[in-house]
Amino acid sequence: MIPLPTSSVPNLKFVFNGFSSNIAQWTATYEPAPNFHGLDSLSFRVKNVNNISDGDSGTWSDLALISIETRSVNDFPVIEYVKIDDMDFSGNMISIEEDATQTLIIGYSDVDEDDLSTNFSISSFIDVEEYTLMNNDIKETHFQIKPTKDYNGMDFLEIVITDDKENIAKSFIID
């Protein structure tokens, strides 16, 4: 390997599935596009500005190519929306009338298209029935929430969505 003069200038060219920038002389960064995995390449040339003569502005090297392989990683599931009885809901406090039933709907997805499942934990004062359906590309789980007969007071519901590798949880206080 022959060291190039410190006055040489790198010239980065094409990156197809990410972003590259010159940080300092002879260094560069590469960041793949969001959710990209696979092969990419970076091409560059180097100009030797010490080789200037009679109006020549320096000599460029041949084009060099670096191949880059970006490995896939698992992304967390994402909660797309939460609804109560088909109304958008952004809080974490659910009010239910004594002896009434409400439906909590959670829509969630995974960019990796992994199989998703839900688990929930709750105390014995509330009964919960669960069923799941698809709404376009978003999986929806409906939770029928009904307090035990004649019960009034607070309870806590935690729902965990998993793709068997990563979990995301959403907690609710039921009053």
C-alpha atoms as a PDB file:
ATOM      1  CA  MET A   1       0.000   0.000   0.000  1.00  0.00           C
ATOM      2  CA  ILE A   2       1.402   3.372  -1.025  1.00  0.00           C
ATOM      3  CA  PRO A   3       0.390   6.277   1.232  1.00  0.00           C
ATOM      4  CA  LEU A   4      -1.184   9.138  -0.667  1.00  0.00           C
ATOM      5  CA  PRO A   5      -0.026  12.689  -0.027  1.00  0.00           C
ATOM      6  CA  THR A   6      -1.911  14.615   2.625  1.00  0.00           C
ATOM      7  CA  SER A   7      -2.794  17.159  -0.006  1.00  0.00           C
ATOM      8  CA  SER A   8      -4.851  14.588  -1.949  1.00  0.00           C
ATOM      9  CA  VAL A   9      -8.595  15.173  -2.015  1.00  0.00           C
ATOM     10  CA  PRO A  10     -11.187  12.358  -1.877  1.00  0.00           C
ATOM     11  CA  ASN A  11     -14.237  12.715  -4.104  1.00  0.00           C
ATOM     12  CA  LEU A  12     -17.192  10.559  -2.994  1.00  0.00           C
ATOM     13  CA  LYS A  13     -19.701   9.615  -5.652  1.00  0.00           C
ATOM     14  CA  PHE A  14     -22.812   7.438  -5.667  1.00  0.00           C
ATOM     15  CA  VAL A  15     -24.697   5.861  -2.788  1.00  0.00           C
ATOM     16  CA  PHE A  16     -28.010   4.272  -3.822  1.00  0.00           C
ATOM     17  CA  ASN A  17     -29.703   3.171  -0.586  1.00  0.00           C
ATOM     18  CA  GLY A  18     -28.355   5.498   2.077  1.00  0.00           C
ATOM     19  CA  PHE A  19     -26.498   8.699   2.807  1.00  0.00           C
ATOM     20  CA  SER A  20     -22.776   9.451   2.723  1.00  0.00           C
ATOM     21  CA  SER A  21     -20.827  12.564   3.566  1.00  0.00           C
ATOM     22  CA  ASN A  22     -17.215  13.657   3.844  1.00  0.00           C
ATOM     23  CA  ILE A  23     -16.330  14.236   7.484  1.00  0.00           C
ATOM     24  CA  ALA A  24     -12.638  14.936   7.115  1.00  0.00           C
ATOM     25  CA  GLN A  25      -9.888  14.077   4.708  1.00  0.00           C
ATOM     26  CA  TRP A  26      -9.883  10.290   4.132  1.00  0.00           C
ATOM     27  CA  THR A  27     -12.932   9.568   6.260  1.00  0.00           C
ATOM     28  CA  ALA A  28     -16.593   9.282   5.371  1.00  0.00           C
ATOM     29  CA  THR A  29     -19.781   8.117   7.047  1.00  0.00           C
ATOM     30  CA  TYR A  30     -22.461   5.858   5.657  1.00  0.00           C
ATOM     31  CA  GLU A  31     -25.993   5.671   7.014  1.00  0.00           C
ATOM     32  CA  PRO A  32     -28.485   3.350   5.324  1.00  0.00           C
ATOM     33  CA  ALA A  33     -31.950   4.650   4.475  1.00  0.00           C
ATOM     34  CA  PRO A  34     -34.601   3.817   7.106  1.00  0.00           C
ATOM     35  CA  ASN A  35     -35.528   0.108   7.100  1.00  0.00           C
ATOM     36  CA  PHE A  36     -33.070  -0.632   4.272  1.00  0.00           C
ATOM     37  CA  HIS A  37     -31.108  -3.852   4.440  1.00  0.00           C
ATOM     38  CA  GLY A  38     -29.126  -5.512   1.694  1.00  0.00           C
ATOM     39  CA  LEU A  39     -26.245  -4.523  -0.549  1.00  0.00           C
ATOM     40  CA  ASP A  40     -25.180  -0.995  -1.384  1.00  0.00           C
ATOM     41  CA  SER A  41     -22.012   0.528  -2.769  1.00  0.00           C
ATOM     42  CA  LEU A  42     -19.956   3.669  -2.478  1.00  0.00           C
ATOM     43  CA  SER A  43     -17.710   4.820  -5.304  1.00  0.00           C
ATOM     44  CA  PHE A  44     -14.984   7.417  -5.064  1.00  0.00           C
ATOM     45  CA  ARG A  45     -11.924   8.928  -6.714  1.00  0.00           C
ATOM     46  CA  VAL A  46      -8.879  10.629  -5.255  1.00  0.00           C
ATOM     47  CA  LYS A  47      -7.163  13.697  -6.703  1.00  0.00           C
ATOM     48  CA  ASN A  48      -3.450  14.261  -6.115  1.00  0.00           C
ATOM     49  CA  VAL A  49      -3.073  18.031  -6.042  1.00  0.00           C
ATOM     50  CA  ASN A  50       0.731  17.733  -5.563  1.00  0.00           C
ATOM     51  CA  ASN A  51       1.005  16.581  -9.172  1.00  0.00           C
ATOM     52  CA  ILE A  52       0.253  19.995 -10.672  1.00  0.00           C
ATOM     53  CA  SER A  53       2.264  21.110 -13.683  1.00  0.00           C
ATOM     54  CA  ASP A  54       1.781  23.585 -16.510  1.00  0.00           C
ATOM     55  CA  GLY A  55      -1.856  24.394 -15.815  1.00  0.00           C
ATOM     56  CA  ASP A  56      -2.793  20.825 -14.858  1.00  0.00           C
ATOM     57  CA  SER A  57      -4.997  20.947 -11.740  1.00  0.00           C
ATOM     58  CA  GLY A  58      -3.937  17.505 -10.484  1.00  0.00           C
ATOM     59  CA  THR A  59      -4.389  13.860 -11.379  1.00  0.00           C
ATOM     60  CA  TRP A  60      -7.507  11.837 -10.509  1.00  0.00           C
ATOM     61  CA  SER A  61      -7.261   8.167  -9.620  1.00  0.00           C
ATOM     62  CA  ASP A  62      -9.401   5.522 -11.256  1.00  0.00           C
ATOM     63  CA  LEU A  63     -12.869   5.084  -9.814  1.00  0.00           C
ATOM     64  CA  ALA A  64     -12.827   2.805  -6.744  1.00  0.00           C
ATOM     65  CA  LEU A  65     -15.829   0.938  -5.385  1.00  0.00           C
ATOM     66  CA  ILE A  66     -16.635  -0.134  -1.821  1.00  0.00           C
ATOM     67  CA  SER A  67     -19.412  -2.685  -1.341  1.00  0.00           C
ATOM     68  CA  ILE A  68     -21.497  -2.303   1.813  1.00  0.00           C
ATOM     69  CA  GLU A  69     -23.789  -4.954   3.277  1.00  0.00           C
ATOM     70  CA  THR A  70     -26.427  -3.726   5.720  1.00  0.00           C
ATOM     71  CA  ARG A  71     -27.831  -6.496   7.908  1.00  0.00           C
ATOM     72  CA  SER A  72     -31.484  -6.561   8.849  1.00  0.00           C
ATOM     73  CA  VAL A  73     -32.422  -5.783  12.460  1.00  0.00           C
ATOM     74  CA  ASN A  74     -35.693  -6.403  14.218  1.00  0.00           C
ATOM     75  CA  ASP A  75     -37.855  -3.306  14.683  1.00  0.00           C
ATOM     76  CA  PHE A  76     -40.207  -2.853  17.625  1.00  0.00           C
ATOM     77  CA  PRO A  77     -43.946  -3.215  17.052  1.00  0.00           C
ATOM     78  CA  VAL A  78     -45.744   0.142  16.853  1.00  0.00           C
ATOM     79  CA  ILE A  79     -49.062   1.128  18.411  1.00  0.00           C
ATOM     80  CA  GLU A  80     -50.872   2.945  15.593  1.00  0.00           C
ATOM     81  CA  TYR A  81     -53.954   4.056  17.523  1.00  0.00           C
ATOM     82  CA  VAL A  82     -56.060   3.521  20.614  1.00  0.00           C
ATOM     83  CA  LYS A  83     -59.851   3.867  20.595  1.00  0.00           C
ATOM     84  CA  ILE A  84     -62.630   3.439  23.109  1.00  0.00           C
ATOM     85  CA  ASP A  85     -65.955   2.405  21.599  1.00  0.00           C
ATOM     86  CA  ASP A  86     -64.644   3.537  18.145  1.00  0.00           C
ATOM     87  CA  MET A  87     -63.666   7.021  19.403  1.00  0.00           C
ATOM     88  CA  ASP A  88     -60.001   8.096  19.233  1.00  0.00           C
ATOM     89  CA  PHE A  89     -58.383   7.984  22.655  1.00  0.00           C
ATOM     90  CA  SER A  90     -55.023   9.510  23.633  1.00  0.00           C
ATOM     91  CA  GLY A  91     -55.058   9.262  27.420  1.00  0.00           C
ATOM     92  CA  ASN A  92     -54.440   6.472  29.855  1.00  0.00           C
ATOM     93  CA  MET A  93     -57.519   6.856  32.118  1.00  0.00           C
ATOM     94  CA  ILE A  94     -60.610   4.883  31.104  1.00  0.00           C
ATOM     95  CA  SER A  95     -63.882   5.680  32.858  1.00  0.00           C
ATOM     96  CA  ILE A  96     -66.527   2.979  32.897  1.00  0.00           C
ATOM     97  CA  GLU A  97     -69.952   3.182  34.482  1.00  0.00           C
ATOM     98  CA  GLU A  98     -70.706   0.537  37.093  1.00  0.00           C
ATOM     99  CA  ASP A  99     -72.024  -2.656  35.431  1.00  0.00           C
ATOM    100  CA  ALA A 100     -71.358  -1.205  31.940  1.00  0.00           C
ATOM    101  CA  THR A 101     -69.086  -2.538  29.185  1.00  0.00           C
ATOM    102  CA  GLN A 102     -66.653  -0.583  27.010  1.00  0.00           C
ATOM    103  CA  THR A 103     -64.540  -1.721  24.108  1.00  0.00           C
ATOM    104  CA  LEU A 104     -60.877  -0.733  24.086  1.00  0.00           C
ATOM    105  CA  ILE A 105     -59.389  -1.059  20.567  1.00  0.00           C
ATOM    106  CA  ILE A 106     -55.647  -1.058  20.001  1.00  0.00           C
ATOM    107  CA  GLY A 107     -54.304  -0.956  16.442  1.00  0.00           C
ATOM    108  CA  TYR A 108     -50.684  -2.011  15.994  1.00  0.00           C
ATOM    109  CA  SER A 109     -48.242  -3.012  13.269  1.00  0.00           C
ATOM    110  CA  ASP A 110     -44.671  -4.137  12.644  1.00  0.00           C
ATOM    111  CA  VAL A 111     -42.607  -2.870   9.709  1.00  0.00           C
ATOM    112  CA  ASP A 112     -40.814  -6.254   9.659  1.00  0.00           C
ATOM    113  CA  GLU A 113     -44.185  -7.970   9.125  1.00  0.00           C
ATOM    114  CA  ASP A 114     -43.464 -10.290  12.061  1.00  0.00           C
ATOM    115  CA  ASP A 115     -46.339 -12.198  13.630  1.00  0.00           C
ATOM    116  CA  LEU A 116     -47.667 -10.096  16.489  1.00  0.00           C
ATOM    117  CA  SER A 117     -49.502 -11.160  19.605  1.00  0.00           C
ATOM    118  CA  THR A 118     -50.952  -9.428  22.664  1.00  0.00           C
ATOM    119  CA  ASN A 119     -50.969 -10.265  26.337  1.00  0.00           C
ATOM    120  CA  PHE A 120     -52.722  -8.359  29.071  1.00  0.00           C
ATOM    121  CA  SER A 121     -52.668  -8.292  32.843  1.00  0.00           C
ATOM    122  CA  ILE A 122     -55.414  -6.967  35.087  1.00  0.00           C
ATOM    123  CA  SER A 123     -56.674  -7.489  38.649  1.00  0.00           C
ATOM    124  CA  SER A 124     -59.738  -9.563  39.484  1.00  0.00           C
ATOM    125  CA  PHE A 125     -62.157  -6.620  39.645  1.00  0.00           C
ATOM    126  CA  ILE A 126     -62.493  -6.322  35.867  1.00  0.00           C
ATOM    127  CA  ASP A 127     -63.398  -8.968  33.306  1.00  0.00           C
ATOM    128  CA  VAL A 128     -61.704  -8.686  29.915  1.00  0.00           C
ATOM    129  CA  GLU A 129     -62.539 -10.597  26.748  1.00  0.00           C
ATOM    130  CA  GLU A 130     -60.132 -10.294  23.831  1.00  0.00           C
ATOM    131  CA  TYR A 131     -60.518 -10.804  20.087  1.00  0.00           C
ATOM    132  CA  THR A 132     -58.310  -9.796  17.165  1.00  0.00           C
ATOM    133  CA  LEU A 133     -59.006  -8.790  13.561  1.00  0.00           C
ATOM    134  CA  MET A 134     -57.185  -7.103  10.681  1.00  0.00           C
ATOM    135  CA  ASN A 135     -57.920  -3.539   9.550  1.00  0.00           C
ATOM    136  CA  ASN A 136     -55.955  -3.178   6.297  1.00  0.00           C
ATOM    137  CA  ASP A 137     -52.274  -3.724   7.280  1.00  0.00           C
ATOM    138  CA  ILE A 138     -52.935  -2.896  10.916  1.00  0.00           C
ATOM    139  CA  LYS A 139     -53.779  -5.649  13.347  1.00  0.00           C
ATOM    140  CA  GLU A 140     -56.482  -4.675  15.841  1.00  0.00           C
ATOM    141  CA  THR A 141     -57.193  -6.247  19.181  1.00  0.00           C
ATOM    142  CA  HIS A 142     -60.509  -5.438  20.827  1.00  0.00           C
ATOM    143  CA  PHE A 143     -60.744  -5.724  24.594  1.00  0.00           C
ATOM    144  CA  GLN A 144     -64.263  -5.873  26.064  1.00  0.00           C
ATOM    145  CA  ILE A 145     -63.836  -4.333  29.528  1.00  0.00           C
ATOM    146  CA  LYS A 146     -66.542  -4.927  32.125  1.00  0.00           C
ATOM    147  CA  PRO A 147     -66.239  -4.336  35.864  1.00  0.00           C
ATOM    148  CA  THR A 148     -67.315  -7.106  38.214  1.00  0.00           C
ATOM    149  CA  LYS A 149     -71.015  -6.684  39.114  1.00  0.00           C
ATOM    150  CA  ASP A 150     -71.575  -3.797  41.529  1.00  0.00           C
ATOM    151  CA  TYR A 151     -67.838  -2.948  41.647  1.00  0.00           C
ATOM    152  CA  ASN A 152     -66.726   0.659  41.559  1.00  0.00           C
ATOM    153  CA  GLY A 153     -63.171   1.838  42.071  1.00  0.00           C
ATOM    154  CA  MET A 154     -59.863   1.883  40.232  1.00  0.00           C
ATOM    155  CA  ASP A 155     -58.037  -0.878  38.415  1.00  0.00           C
ATOM    156  CA  PHE A 156     -54.994  -1.155  36.193  1.00  0.00           C
ATOM    157  CA  LEU A 157     -54.754  -2.756  32.742  1.00  0.00           C
ATOM    158  CA  GLU A 158     -51.456  -3.385  30.959  1.00  0.00           C
ATOM    159  CA  ILE A 159     -51.361  -4.607  27.370  1.00  0.00           C
ATOM    160  CA  VAL A 160     -48.124  -5.946  25.894  1.00  0.00           C
ATOM    161  CA  ILE A 161     -47.659  -6.344  22.132  1.00  0.00           C
ATOM    162  CA  THR A 162     -44.826  -8.635  21.071  1.00  0.00           C
ATOM    163  CA  ASP A 163     -43.227  -9.942  17.898  1.00  0.00           C
ATOM    164  CA  ASP A 164     -41.430 -12.649  19.935  1.00  0.00           C
ATOM    165  CA  LYS A 165     -38.262 -10.517  19.925  1.00  0.00           C
ATOM    166  CA  GLU A 166     -39.321  -7.053  21.063  1.00  0.00           C
ATOM    167  CA  ASN A 167     -42.207  -5.843  23.232  1.00  0.00           C
ATOM    168  CA  ILE A 168     -44.120  -2.609  23.531  1.00  0.00           C
ATOM    169  CA  ALA A 169     -46.486  -1.983  26.418  1.00  0.00           C
ATOM    170  CA  LYS A 170     -49.411   0.376  26.996  1.00  0.00           C
ATOM    171  CA  SER A 171     -50.918   0.872  30.449  1.00  0.00           C
ATOM    172  CA  PHE A 172     -54.373   2.132  31.416  1.00  0.00           C
ATOM    173  CA  ILE A 173     -56.053   3.089  34.666  1.00  0.00           C
ATOM    174  CA  ILE A 174     -59.676   2.018  34.769  1.00  0.00           C
ATOM    175  CA  ASP A 175     -62.016   4.015  36.958  1.00  0.00           C
END
